[in-house]
Structures are given as structure tokens and as C-alpha cells.
Amino acid sequence: MLVQRGTMRIIDGMHRVQAARLRGELLIEVQFFDGDDEASFLRSVKANIAHGLPLSWQDREAAAERFIRAYPQWSDRAVAAAGISAKSARSVRQRATGDGQHLDARVGLDGRVRGRCCG
């Protein structure tokens, strides 16, 4: 189970907690995550996509929109970590910002900055 240390909010493992409660367990082992709310949300989405119940299309689009608002410098491929295609991420960006939030440079999945930078 993954827990955001600052808030003690469960990031991943809510069903395991419920199962432990049903078994009468009082303790459960956790791994702490040190990050802000946006970083915690990103981890929860990635964990859910990897092994949780599938997110609905609406949930994935909502996650992508939240990523775009929190990290406008991310490339469409990076936003696609929400479980959508880069093309869909571009559409979500255009809907969310009205103009596609044109930036001269974007940060890719590998952390490298692409595009024009620094004048």
C-alpha cells in the first residue's frame, strides 16, 4: 500500500485496506510517498492503470486534464500517462485551455526539453 506521508492519504491500496479490515487486521504495512498532491495523484493514476480496476474513459480524460493544468509544460505523450493516446491528450489540452496551450518547448517522457527554448 502506498500512502502520501504529509496527508496520510492512501494513494494505492484502498481495496487492500478494506480487505484487511474485513479480516479483522489492525495493522497493514505501508510504503510512504513524499510528494505534493499533484505528484500523489499522478502516482495513483499510474498505479491504477498498471494493476487496478480499469479507469473509465471519463476518468482517464479527467486525469489527463488535471495533469495538463498541473504540468502545462508536459508533452502530449507525457500527459498520455493517464491512459490515453497522445492524440487524445492533445484534444483534451485544446478543450481544457481553448487554444491548446501553445508553448515553445515541452518536457517529454524522458525529461528532455524539446522545441525552441530560451529565445
Protein backbone atom coordinates (compact mmCIF):
# COMPACT_ATOMS: atom_id res chain seq x y z
CA MET A 1 0.00 0.00 0.00
CA LEU A 2 1.27 3.46 -0.88
CA VAL A 3 0.46 6.41 1.41
CA GLN A 4 1.21 10.12 0.97
CA ARG A 5 3.25 10.88 4.06
CA GLY A 6 2.17 14.52 4.53
CA THR A 7 -1.57 13.81 4.47
CA MET A 8 -1.65 10.06 5.29
CA ARG A 9 -3.90 9.73 2.23
CA ILE A 10 -3.91 6.32 0.56
CA ILE A 11 -2.51 6.65 -2.96
CA ASP A 12 -2.69 2.98 -3.88
CA GLY A 13 -4.17 0.07 -1.96
CA MET A 14 -7.62 1.14 -0.77
CA HIS A 15 -9.08 -2.28 -1.61
CA ARG A 16 -6.27 -3.99 0.35
CA VAL A 17 -7.14 -1.84 3.38
CA GLN A 18 -10.81 -2.80 3.09
CA ALA A 19 -9.90 -6.48 2.80
CA ALA A 20 -7.61 -6.25 5.85
CA ARG A 21 -10.42 -4.64 7.84
CA LEU A 22 -12.82 -7.42 6.85
CA ARG A 23 -10.26 -9.96 8.09
CA GLY A 24 -10.05 -8.08 11.39
CA GLU A 25 -6.45 -6.98 10.91
CA LEU A 26 -5.40 -3.91 12.88
CA LEU A 27 -2.10 -3.21 11.12
CA ILE A 28 -1.10 -3.11 7.48
CA GLU A 29 2.35 -2.50 6.01
CA VAL A 30 2.68 0.71 4.00
CA GLN A 31 5.23 2.45 1.84
CA PHE A 32 5.34 6.22 2.24
CA PHE A 33 5.44 8.63 -0.67
CA ASP A 34 6.86 12.12 -0.19
CA GLY A 35 5.25 14.38 -2.74
CA ASP A 36 2.63 17.06 -3.17
CA ASP A 37 -1.00 16.37 -4.06
CA GLU A 38 -0.39 16.52 -7.82
CA ALA A 39 2.55 14.11 -7.68
CA SER A 40 0.46 11.80 -5.48
CA PHE A 41 -2.41 11.94 -7.95
CA LEU A 42 -0.03 11.06 -10.78
CA ARG A 43 1.26 8.05 -8.82
CA SER A 44 -2.28 6.89 -8.06
CA VAL A 45 -3.33 7.06 -11.72
CA LYS A 46 -0.21 5.20 -12.88
CA ALA A 47 -0.71 2.53 -10.20
CA ASN A 48 -4.36 2.09 -11.12
CA ILE A 49 -3.54 1.75 -14.80
CA ALA A 50 -0.83 -0.80 -14.01
CA HIS A 51 -2.81 -3.16 -11.81
CA GLY A 52 -6.07 -1.70 -10.58
CA LEU A 53 -9.58 -1.73 -11.90
CA PRO A 54 -9.67 -0.11 -15.33
CA LEU A 55 -10.41 3.61 -15.32
CA SER A 56 -13.39 4.72 -17.35
CA TRP A 57 -12.77 6.91 -20.39
CA GLN A 58 -14.17 9.88 -18.46
CA ASP A 59 -11.81 9.19 -15.54
CA ARG A 60 -8.81 8.99 -17.89
CA GLU A 61 -9.77 12.24 -19.63
CA ALA A 62 -10.29 13.95 -16.27
CA ALA A 63 -6.87 12.73 -15.11
CA ALA A 64 -5.27 13.99 -18.34
CA GLU A 65 -6.91 17.39 -17.85
CA ARG A 66 -5.62 17.57 -14.29
CA PHE A 67 -2.11 16.68 -15.50
CA ILE A 68 -2.30 19.44 -18.14
CA ARG A 69 -3.39 22.03 -15.59
CA ALA A 70 -0.73 20.97 -13.07
CA TYR A 71 2.08 20.43 -15.60
CA PRO A 72 1.37 22.59 -18.69
CA GLN A 73 4.93 22.07 -19.88
CA TRP A 74 4.42 18.30 -20.31
CA SER A 75 4.30 16.91 -23.82
CA ASP A 76 1.13 15.22 -25.07
CA ARG A 77 2.92 11.87 -24.77
CA ALA A 78 3.75 12.58 -21.12
CA VAL A 79 0.12 13.53 -20.42
CA ALA A 80 -0.88 10.24 -22.05
CA ALA A 81 0.32 8.55 -18.84
CA ALA A 82 -3.32 9.00 -17.82
CA GLY A 83 -4.09 6.02 -20.05
CA ILE A 84 -5.00 7.83 -23.25
CA SER A 85 -3.22 8.34 -26.57
CA ALA A 86 -1.05 11.37 -27.26
CA LYS A 87 -3.60 12.43 -29.88
CA SER A 88 -6.36 12.29 -27.26
CA ALA A 89 -4.13 14.22 -24.83
CA ARG A 90 -3.79 16.94 -27.47
CA SER A 91 -7.60 17.08 -27.83
CA VAL A 92 -8.04 17.28 -24.05
CA ARG A 93 -5.43 20.08 -23.93
CA GLN A 94 -7.28 22.04 -26.62
CA ARG A 95 -10.62 21.61 -24.84
CA ALA A 96 -9.17 22.45 -21.43
CA THR A 97 -7.23 25.53 -22.48
CA GLY A 98 -9.17 26.72 -25.50
CA ASP A 99 -6.05 27.11 -27.61
CA GLY A 100 -4.00 24.02 -26.94
CA GLN A 101 -1.78 25.98 -24.56
CA HIS A 102 0.91 26.63 -27.14
CA LEU A 103 4.36 26.58 -25.60
CA ASP A 104 7.64 26.92 -27.45
CA ALA A 105 9.06 23.93 -25.59
CA ARG A 106 7.63 20.87 -23.85
CA VAL A 107 9.08 18.28 -21.49
CA GLY A 108 8.92 14.74 -22.85
CA LEU A 109 8.58 11.39 -21.11
CA ASP A 110 12.36 11.17 -20.85
CA GLY A 111 12.56 14.53 -19.08
CA ARG A 112 14.24 16.24 -22.04
CA VAL A 113 13.01 19.63 -23.23
CA ARG A 114 12.07 19.76 -26.89
CA GLY A 115 11.22 22.75 -29.02
CA ARG A 116 12.53 26.26 -29.02
CA CYS A 117 13.98 27.37 -25.75
CA CYS A 118 15.44 30.50 -24.37
CA GLY A 119 14.84 32.93 -27.23
